[in-house]
Amino acid sequence: MRKETQTQYITKKLIYKQLRKKLIYAKQAIDQNYRETKQFYGEHDAKRIKNELIMLFDLTRLRQAAINARYMQF
């Protein structure tokens, strides 16, 4: 395993922070939408819409990208 330079380490940390922040914002938006939808349309529709939003944002891929950035090799 090669030793990373300080610049590479800082770059990797910045990428991870940005991806993590996007993931948190997307999750908060989906949770807020779920609460509002549940209040007006019921739990069944709210869960369906929440699942559609998760697929739209593709949170699993974004989460995996954040994990990959954390362990990125240069």
PDB file of N, CA and C in Angstrom:
ATOM      1  N   MET A   1       0.844  -1.186   0.000  1.00  0.00           N
ATOM      2  CA  MET A   1       0.000   0.000   0.000  1.00  0.00           C
ATOM      3  C   MET A   1       0.886   1.244   0.000  1.00  0.00           C
ATOM      4  N   ARG A   2       0.605   2.133  -0.936  1.00  0.00           N
ATOM      5  CA  ARG A   2       1.399   3.351  -1.025  1.00  0.00           C
ATOM      6  C   ARG A   2       0.991   4.340   0.059  1.00  0.00           C
ATOM      7  N   LYS A   3       1.955   5.104   0.506  1.00  0.00           N
ATOM      8  CA  LYS A   3       1.669   6.138   1.493  1.00  0.00           C
ATOM      9  C   LYS A   3       1.127   7.358   0.750  1.00  0.00           C
ATOM     10  N   GLU A   4      -0.006   7.870   1.221  1.00  0.00           N
ATOM     11  CA  GLU A   4      -0.610   9.007   0.528  1.00  0.00           C
ATOM     12  C   GLU A   4       0.012  10.314   0.996  1.00  0.00           C
ATOM     13  N   THR A   5       0.048  11.279   0.092  1.00  0.00           N
ATOM     14  CA  THR A   5       0.584  12.582   0.441  1.00  0.00           C
ATOM     15  C   THR A   5      -0.461  13.356   1.228  1.00  0.00           C
ATOM     16  N   GLN A   6      -0.027  14.437   1.817  1.00  0.00           N
ATOM     17  CA  GLN A   6      -0.948  15.254   2.609  1.00  0.00           C
ATOM     18  C   GLN A   6      -2.043  15.846   1.718  1.00  0.00           C
ATOM     19  N   THR A   7      -1.701  16.244   0.502  1.00  0.00           N
ATOM     20  CA  THR A   7      -2.688  16.789  -0.435  1.00  0.00           C
ATOM     21  C   THR A   7      -3.735  15.747  -0.791  1.00  0.00           C
ATOM     22  N   GLN A   8      -3.300  14.524  -1.039  1.00  0.00           N
ATOM     23  CA  GLN A   8      -4.241  13.452  -1.357  1.00  0.00           C
ATOM     24  C   GLN A   8      -5.167  13.181  -0.176  1.00  0.00           C
ATOM     25  N   TYR A   9      -4.610  13.198   1.024  1.00  0.00           N
ATOM     26  CA  TYR A   9      -5.409  12.954   2.222  1.00  0.00           C
ATOM     27  C   TYR A   9      -6.466  14.044   2.402  1.00  0.00           C
ATOM     28  N   ILE A  10      -6.071  15.295   2.233  1.00  0.00           N
ATOM     29  CA  ILE A  10      -7.001  16.421   2.381  1.00  0.00           C
ATOM     30  C   ILE A  10      -8.083  16.356   1.310  1.00  0.00           C
ATOM     31  N   THR A  11      -7.710  16.050   0.071  1.00  0.00           N
ATOM     32  CA  THR A  11      -8.680  15.927  -1.022  1.00  0.00           C
ATOM     33  C   THR A  11      -9.696  14.841  -0.710  1.00  0.00           C
ATOM     34  N   LYS A  12      -9.209  13.714  -0.245  1.00  0.00           N
ATOM     35  CA  LYS A  12     -10.088  12.596   0.089  1.00  0.00           C
ATOM     36  C   LYS A  12     -11.071  12.991   1.193  1.00  0.00           C
ATOM     37  N   LYS A  13     -10.587  13.683   2.205  1.00  0.00           N
ATOM     38  CA  LYS A  13     -11.453  14.115   3.307  1.00  0.00           C
ATOM     39  C   LYS A  13     -12.517  15.096   2.822  1.00  0.00           C
ATOM     40  N   LEU A  14     -12.139  16.032   1.946  1.00  0.00           N
ATOM     41  CA  LEU A  14     -13.102  17.006   1.426  1.00  0.00           C
ATOM     42  C   LEU A  14     -14.190  16.327   0.604  1.00  0.00           C
ATOM     43  N   ILE A  15     -13.799  15.377  -0.240  1.00  0.00           N
ATOM     44  CA  ILE A  15     -14.780  14.641  -1.042  1.00  0.00           C
ATOM     45  C   ILE A  15     -15.740  13.900  -0.123  1.00  0.00           C
ATOM     46  N   TYR A  16     -15.207  13.250   0.897  1.00  0.00           N
ATOM     47  CA  TYR A  16     -16.048  12.501   1.830  1.00  0.00           C
ATOM     48  C   TYR A  16     -17.031  13.427   2.545  1.00  0.00           C
ATOM     49  N   LYS A  17     -16.536  14.588   2.998  1.00  0.00           N
ATOM     50  CA  LYS A  17     -17.412  15.533   3.706  1.00  0.00           C
ATOM     51  C   LYS A  17     -18.542  16.023   2.808  1.00  0.00           C
ATOM     52  N   GLN A  18     -18.227  16.348   1.556  1.00  0.00           N
ATOM     53  CA  GLN A  18     -19.255  16.838   0.634  1.00  0.00           C
ATOM     54  C   GLN A  18     -20.302  15.773   0.352  1.00  0.00           C
ATOM     55  N   LEU A  19     -19.875  14.548   0.106  1.00  0.00           N
ATOM     56  CA  LEU A  19     -20.826  13.463  -0.147  1.00  0.00           C
ATOM     57  C   LEU A  19     -21.677  13.191   1.084  1.00  0.00           C
ATOM     58  N   ARG A  20     -21.066  13.226   2.242  1.00  0.00           N
ATOM     59  CA  ARG A  20     -21.786  12.979   3.492  1.00  0.00           C
ATOM     60  C   ARG A  20     -22.849  14.059   3.713  1.00  0.00           C
ATOM     61  N   LYS A  21     -22.490  15.305   3.431  1.00  0.00           N
ATOM     62  CA  LYS A  21     -23.433  16.411   3.600  1.00  0.00           C
ATOM     63  C   LYS A  21     -24.625  16.256   2.653  1.00  0.00           C
ATOM     64  N   LYS A  22     -24.356  15.862   1.403  1.00  0.00           N
ATOM     65  CA  LYS A  22     -25.443  15.650   0.443  1.00  0.00           C
ATOM     66  C   LYS A  22     -26.354  14.524   0.895  1.00  0.00           C
ATOM     67  N   LEU A  23     -25.770  13.487   1.438  1.00  0.00           N
ATOM     68  CA  LEU A  23     -26.554  12.352   1.926  1.00  0.00           C
ATOM     69  C   LEU A  23     -27.462  12.777   3.077  1.00  0.00           C
ATOM     70  N   ILE A  24     -26.939  13.564   3.994  1.00  0.00           N
ATOM     71  CA  ILE A  24     -27.729  14.031   5.138  1.00  0.00           C
ATOM     72  C   ILE A  24     -28.864  14.932   4.670  1.00  0.00           C
ATOM     73  N   TYR A  25     -28.583  15.871   3.749  1.00  0.00           N
ATOM     74  CA  TYR A  25     -29.633  16.763   3.244  1.00  0.00           C
ATOM     75  C   TYR A  25     -30.732  15.990   2.527  1.00  0.00           C
ATOM     76  N   ALA A  26     -30.351  15.010   1.724  1.00  0.00           N
ATOM     77  CA  ALA A  26     -31.345  14.214   0.999  1.00  0.00           C
ATOM     78  C   ALA A  26     -32.212  13.429   1.975  1.00  0.00           C
ATOM     79  N   LYS A  27     -31.594  12.854   2.997  1.00  0.00           N
ATOM     80  CA  LYS A  27     -32.349  12.080   3.990  1.00  0.00           C
ATOM     81  C   LYS A  27     -33.305  12.984   4.754  1.00  0.00           C
ATOM     82  N   GLN A  28     -32.865  14.170   5.138  1.00  0.00           N
ATOM     83  CA  GLN A  28     -33.732  15.106   5.859  1.00  0.00           C
ATOM     84  C   GLN A  28     -34.913  15.531   4.997  1.00  0.00           C
ATOM     85  N   ALA A  29     -34.671  15.779   3.718  1.00  0.00           N
ATOM     86  CA  ALA A  29     -35.750  16.185   2.814  1.00  0.00           C
ATOM     87  C   ALA A  29     -36.775  15.069   2.662  1.00  0.00           C
ATOM     88  N   ILE A  30     -36.304  13.836   2.541  1.00  0.00           N
ATOM     89  CA  ILE A  30     -37.221  12.703   2.402  1.00  0.00           C
ATOM     90  C   ILE A  30     -38.033  12.505   3.679  1.00  0.00           C
ATOM     91  N   ASP A  31     -37.389  12.626   4.836  1.00  0.00           N
ATOM     92  CA  ASP A  31     -38.109  12.468   6.105  1.00  0.00           C
ATOM     93  C   ASP A  31     -39.161  13.559   6.287  1.00  0.00           C
ATOM     94  N   GLN A  32     -38.818  14.788   5.921  1.00  0.00           N
ATOM     95  CA  GLN A  32     -39.775  15.897   6.022  1.00  0.00           C
ATOM     96  C   GLN A  32     -40.961  15.657   5.096  1.00  0.00           C
ATOM     97  N   ASN A  33     -40.690  15.227   3.879  1.00  0.00           N
ATOM     98  CA  ASN A  33     -41.755  14.935   2.927  1.00  0.00           C
ATOM     99  C   ASN A  33     -42.637  13.806   3.440  1.00  0.00           C
ATOM    100  N   TYR A  34     -42.028  12.795   4.050  1.00  0.00           N
ATOM    101  CA  TYR A  34     -42.785  11.655   4.592  1.00  0.00           C
ATOM    102  C   TYR A  34     -43.760  12.124   5.676  1.00  0.00           C
ATOM    103  N   ARG A  35     -43.288  12.968   6.589  1.00  0.00           N
ATOM    104  CA  ARG A  35     -44.157  13.455   7.670  1.00  0.00           C
ATOM    105  C   ARG A  35     -45.333  14.257   7.122  1.00  0.00           C
ATOM    106  N   GLU A  36     -45.055  15.123   6.161  1.00  0.00           N
ATOM    107  CA  GLU A  36     -46.125  15.937   5.586  1.00  0.00           C
ATOM    108  C   GLU A  36     -47.120  15.080   4.803  1.00  0.00           C
ATOM    109  N   THR A  37     -46.618  14.136   4.034  1.00  0.00           N
ATOM    110  CA  THR A  37     -47.490  13.266   3.243  1.00  0.00           C
ATOM    111  C   THR A  37     -48.340  12.390   4.154  1.00  0.00           C
ATOM    112  N   LYS A  38     -47.745  11.869   5.205  1.00  0.00           N
ATOM    113  CA  LYS A  38     -48.469  11.012   6.150  1.00  0.00           C
ATOM    114  C   LYS A  38     -49.614  11.783   6.803  1.00  0.00           C
ATOM    115  N   GLN A  39     -49.366  13.035   7.113  1.00  0.00           N
ATOM    116  CA  GLN A  39     -50.375  13.871   7.765  1.00  0.00           C
ATOM    117  C   GLN A  39     -51.592  14.069   6.863  1.00  0.00           C
ATOM    118  N   PHE A  40     -51.380  14.243   5.569  1.00  0.00           N
ATOM    119  CA  PHE A  40     -52.483  14.565   4.663  1.00  0.00           C
ATOM    120  C   PHE A  40     -53.068  13.358   3.934  1.00  0.00           C
ATOM    121  N   TYR A  41     -52.237  12.361   3.618  1.00  0.00           N
ATOM    122  CA  TYR A  41     -52.700  11.266   2.762  1.00  0.00           C
ATOM    123  C   TYR A  41     -52.682   9.891   3.418  1.00  0.00           C
ATOM    124  N   GLY A  42     -52.167   9.777   4.624  1.00  0.00           N
ATOM    125  CA  GLY A  42     -52.134   8.488   5.297  1.00  0.00           C
ATOM    126  C   GLY A  42     -50.788   7.797   5.152  1.00  0.00           C
ATOM    127  N   GLU A  43     -50.595   6.792   6.001  1.00  0.00           N
ATOM    128  CA  GLU A  43     -49.284   6.148   6.082  1.00  0.00           C
ATOM    129  C   GLU A  43     -48.942   5.318   4.845  1.00  0.00           C
ATOM    130  N   HIS A  44     -49.931   4.645   4.263  1.00  0.00           N
ATOM    131  CA  HIS A  44     -49.658   3.790   3.101  1.00  0.00           C
ATOM    132  C   HIS A  44     -49.089   4.603   1.934  1.00  0.00           C
ATOM    133  N   ASP A  45     -49.761   5.704   1.594  1.00  0.00           N
ATOM    134  CA  ASP A  45     -49.269   6.553   0.503  1.00  0.00           C
ATOM    135  C   ASP A  45     -47.931   7.189   0.858  1.00  0.00           C
ATOM    136  N   ALA A  46     -47.775   7.562   2.124  1.00  0.00           N
ATOM    137  CA  ALA A  46     -46.524   8.197   2.547  1.00  0.00           C
ATOM    138  C   ALA A  46     -45.345   7.239   2.375  1.00  0.00           C
ATOM    139  N   LYS A  47     -45.528   5.971   2.749  1.00  0.00           N
ATOM    140  CA  LYS A  47     -44.443   4.991   2.591  1.00  0.00           C
ATOM    141  C   LYS A  47     -44.119   4.763   1.117  1.00  0.00           C
ATOM    142  N   ARG A  48     -45.155   4.694   0.291  1.00  0.00           N
ATOM    143  CA  ARG A  48     -44.946   4.482  -1.145  1.00  0.00           C
ATOM    144  C   ARG A  48     -44.146   5.641  -1.743  1.00  0.00           C
ATOM    145  N   ILE A  49     -44.541   6.853  -1.401  1.00  0.00           N
ATOM    146  CA  ILE A  49     -43.850   8.037  -1.928  1.00  0.00           C
ATOM    147  C   ILE A  49     -42.416   8.100  -1.396  1.00  0.00           C
ATOM    148  N   LYS A  50     -42.239   7.750  -0.116  1.00  0.00           N
ATOM    149  CA  LYS A  50     -40.893   7.762   0.464  1.00  0.00           C
ATOM    150  C   LYS A  50     -39.983   6.788  -0.284  1.00  0.00           C
ATOM    151  N   ASN A  51     -40.492   5.594  -0.586  1.00  0.00           N
ATOM    152  CA  ASN A  51     -39.687   4.618  -1.330  1.00  0.00           C
ATOM    153  C   ASN A  51     -39.352   5.120  -2.728  1.00  0.00           C
ATOM    154  N   GLU A  52     -40.306   5.795  -3.368  1.00  0.00           N
ATOM    155  CA  GLU A  52     -40.038   6.359  -4.694  1.00  0.00           C
ATOM    156  C   GLU A  52     -38.971   7.443  -4.619  1.00  0.00           C
ATOM    157  N   LEU A  53     -39.032   8.274  -3.582  1.00  0.00           N
ATOM    158  CA  LEU A  53     -38.027   9.329  -3.430  1.00  0.00           C
ATOM    159  C   LEU A  53     -36.643   8.744  -3.167  1.00  0.00           C
ATOM    160  N   ILE A  54     -36.592   7.689  -2.371  1.00  0.00           N
ATOM    161  CA  ILE A  54     -35.298   7.051  -2.103  1.00  0.00           C
ATOM    162  C   ILE A  54     -34.703   6.516  -3.400  1.00  0.00           C
ATOM    163  N   MET A  55     -35.550   5.907  -4.230  1.00  0.00           N
ATOM    164  CA  MET A  55     -35.046   5.422  -5.520  1.00  0.00           C
ATOM    165  C   MET A  55     -34.630   6.588  -6.411  1.00  0.00           C
ATOM    166  N   LEU A  56     -35.381   7.686  -6.349  1.00  0.00           N
ATOM    167  CA  LEU A  56     -35.056   8.853  -7.158  1.00  0.00           C
ATOM    168  C   LEU A  56     -33.699   9.428  -6.761  1.00  0.00           C
ATOM    169  N   PHE A  57     -33.491   9.620  -5.472  1.00  0.00           N
ATOM    170  CA  PHE A  57     -32.219  10.154  -4.988  1.00  0.00           C
ATOM    171  C   PHE A  57     -31.116   9.101  -5.037  1.00  0.00           C
ATOM    172  N   ASP A  58     -31.525   7.831  -5.074  1.00  0.00           N
ATOM    173  CA  ASP A  58     -30.591   6.704  -5.059  1.00  0.00           C
ATOM    174  C   ASP A  58     -29.613   6.840  -3.893  1.00  0.00           C
ATOM    175  N   LEU A  59     -30.201   6.889  -2.701  1.00  0.00           N
ATOM    176  CA  LEU A  59     -29.403   7.101  -1.498  1.00  0.00           C
ATOM    177  C   LEU A  59     -28.394   5.988  -1.255  1.00  0.00           C
ATOM    178  N   THR A  60     -28.713   4.781  -1.665  1.00  0.00           N
ATOM    179  CA  THR A  60     -27.756   3.700  -1.426  1.00  0.00           C
ATOM    180  C   THR A  60     -26.484   3.922  -2.237  1.00  0.00           C
ATOM    181  N   ARG A  61     -26.636   4.407  -3.459  1.00  0.00           N
ATOM    182  CA  ARG A  61     -25.448   4.675  -4.283  1.00  0.00           C
ATOM    183  C   ARG A  61     -24.657   5.851  -3.709  1.00  0.00           C
ATOM    184  N   LEU A  62     -25.370   6.884  -3.245  1.00  0.00           N
ATOM    185  CA  LEU A  62     -24.697   8.039  -2.658  1.00  0.00           C
ATOM    186  C   LEU A  62     -23.966   7.639  -1.379  1.00  0.00           C
ATOM    187  N   ARG A  63     -24.596   6.793  -0.574  1.00  0.00           N
ATOM    188  CA  ARG A  63     -23.966   6.316   0.660  1.00  0.00           C
ATOM    189  C   ARG A  63     -22.714   5.501   0.332  1.00  0.00           C
ATOM    190  N   GLN A  64     -22.809   4.651  -0.678  1.00  0.00           N
ATOM    191  CA  GLN A  64     -21.658   3.840  -1.070  1.00  0.00           C
ATOM    192  C   GLN A  64     -20.529   4.724  -1.603  1.00  0.00           C
ATOM    193  N   ALA A  65     -20.882   5.785  -2.326  1.00  0.00           N
ATOM    194  CA  ALA A  65     -19.864   6.714  -2.835  1.00  0.00           C
ATOM    195  C   ALA A  65     -19.147   7.402  -1.677  1.00  0.00           C
ATOM    196  N   ALA A  66     -19.894   7.744  -0.628  1.00  0.00           N
ATOM    197  CA  ALA A  66     -19.275   8.368   0.539  1.00  0.00           C
ATOM    198  C   ALA A  66     -18.324   7.393   1.233  1.00  0.00           C
ATOM    199  N   ILE A  67     -18.722   6.146   1.335  1.00  0.00           N
ATOM    200  CA  ILE A  67     -17.860   5.131   1.944  1.00  0.00           C
ATOM    201  C   ILE A  67     -16.614   4.923   1.090  1.00  0.00           C
ATOM    202  N   ASN A  68     -16.793   4.845  -0.232  1.00  0.00           N
ATOM    203  CA  ASN A  68     -15.654   4.664  -1.132  1.00  0.00           C
ATOM    204  C   ASN A  68     -14.690   5.835  -1.052  1.00  0.00           C
ATOM    205  N   ALA A  69     -15.223   7.054  -0.946  1.00  0.00           N
ATOM    206  CA  ALA A  69     -14.362   8.233  -0.861  1.00  0.00           C
ATOM    207  C   ALA A  69     -13.529   8.197   0.414  1.00  0.00           C
ATOM    208  N   ARG A  70     -14.107   7.647   1.450  1.00  0.00           N
ATOM    209  CA  ARG A  70     -13.383   7.581   2.714  1.00  0.00           C
ATOM    210  C   ARG A  70     -12.155   6.674   2.607  1.00  0.00           C
ATOM    211  N   TYR A  71     -12.292   5.598   1.841  1.00  0.00           N
ATOM    212  CA  TYR A  71     -11.203   4.629   1.721  1.00  0.00           C
ATOM    213  C   TYR A  71     -10.523   4.683   0.352  1.00  0.00           C
ATOM    214  N   MET A  72     -10.633   5.816  -0.316  1.00  0.00           N
ATOM    215  CA  MET A  72     -10.115   5.962  -1.673  1.00  0.00           C
ATOM    216  C   MET A  72      -8.596   5.774  -1.712  1.00  0.00           C
ATOM    217  N   GLN A  73      -8.147   5.102  -2.746  1.00  0.00           N
ATOM    218  CA  GLN A  73      -6.712   4.914  -2.958  1.00  0.00           C
ATOM    219  C   GLN A  73      -6.256   5.843  -4.084  1.00  0.00           C
ATOM    220  N   PHE A  74      -5.136   6.507  -3.874  1.00  0.00           N
ATOM    221  CA  PHE A  74      -4.588   7.385  -4.913  1.00  0.00           C
ATOM    222  C   PHE A  74      -3.413   6.717  -5.566  1.00  0.00           C
TER     223      PHE A  74
END
